[in-house]
Amino acid sequence: MRSFVVAAWEQGRHRRRDLEEVRAETAEGAIQHVVAARGTHAVYEAWPSREPENNLRMTFARRAE
């Protein structure tokens, strides 16, 4: 397992960035862990703790109805 930093930007009027350190096999796994715990719609970015230049960005948004 590797250590990743995950940044989450909430969608909405007050855009605040939260940082969380997570242990996972991949950046995708780290983001999935945070999404499952938060259950919110946001933009997530993850990078290895020791390699901040290697980042992955994913957006989770509500489905249009």
Protein backbone atom coordinates (compact mmCIF):
# COMPACT_ATOMS: atom_id res chain seq x y z
CA MET A 1 0.00 0.00 0.00
CA ARG A 2 1.09 3.53 -0.76
CA SER A 3 0.22 6.81 0.86
CA PHE A 4 -1.82 9.29 -1.22
CA VAL A 5 -3.04 12.81 -0.57
CA VAL A 6 -6.62 13.32 -1.76
CA ALA A 7 -8.01 16.83 -2.32
CA ALA A 8 -11.78 17.31 -2.54
CA TRP A 9 -13.51 20.42 -3.86
CA GLU A 10 -17.21 20.54 -2.99
CA GLN A 11 -19.50 21.59 -5.80
CA GLY A 12 -21.71 24.50 -4.97
CA ARG A 13 -21.55 28.06 -3.76
CA HIS A 14 -18.82 27.66 -1.16
CA ARG A 15 -15.91 25.96 -2.87
CA ARG A 16 -13.65 24.67 -0.11
CA ARG A 17 -10.77 22.25 -0.55
CA ASP A 18 -10.29 19.48 1.99
CA LEU A 19 -7.10 17.41 2.09
CA GLU A 20 -6.94 13.87 3.42
CA GLU A 21 -4.09 11.33 3.49
CA VAL A 22 -5.16 7.81 2.52
CA ARG A 23 -3.34 4.48 2.14
CA ALA A 24 -4.31 2.61 -1.04
CA GLU A 25 -2.82 0.63 -3.92
CA THR A 26 -3.62 3.29 -6.56
CA ALA A 27 -4.73 6.92 -6.83
CA GLU A 28 -8.11 5.68 -8.07
CA GLY A 29 -8.45 3.51 -4.96
CA ALA A 30 -7.58 6.45 -2.70
CA ILE A 31 -10.26 8.60 -4.35
CA GLN A 32 -12.82 5.79 -4.11
CA HIS A 33 -12.08 5.47 -0.39
CA VAL A 34 -12.71 9.19 0.20
CA VAL A 35 -15.85 9.24 -2.01
CA ALA A 36 -17.30 6.29 -0.09
CA ALA A 37 -16.65 7.99 3.25
CA ARG A 38 -17.94 11.43 2.23
CA GLY A 39 -20.80 10.46 -0.06
CA THR A 40 -20.70 13.86 -1.75
CA HIS A 41 -20.53 15.16 -5.28
CA ALA A 42 -17.22 16.90 -5.80
CA VAL A 43 -14.02 17.13 -7.80
CA TYR A 44 -11.30 14.89 -6.38
CA GLU A 45 -7.58 14.95 -7.05
CA ALA A 46 -5.06 12.43 -5.68
CA TRP A 47 -1.29 12.16 -5.76
CA PRO A 48 1.33 10.01 -4.05
CA SER A 49 2.55 11.70 -0.87
CA ARG A 50 6.14 11.65 -2.10
CA GLU A 51 5.39 12.50 -5.76
CA PRO A 52 3.00 15.49 -5.89
CA GLU A 53 3.65 15.98 -9.62
CA ASN A 54 1.95 12.62 -10.42
CA ASN A 55 -1.68 13.50 -9.90
CA LEU A 56 -5.05 12.13 -11.03
CA ARG A 57 -8.23 14.20 -11.19
CA MET A 58 -11.75 12.73 -11.14
CA THR A 59 -15.14 14.46 -11.01
CA PHE A 60 -18.19 12.90 -9.38
CA ALA A 61 -21.40 14.80 -10.12
CA ARG A 62 -25.12 14.22 -9.85
CA ARG A 63 -26.71 12.63 -12.85
CA ALA A 64 -28.98 15.01 -14.80
CA GLU A 65 -32.63 13.98 -14.50
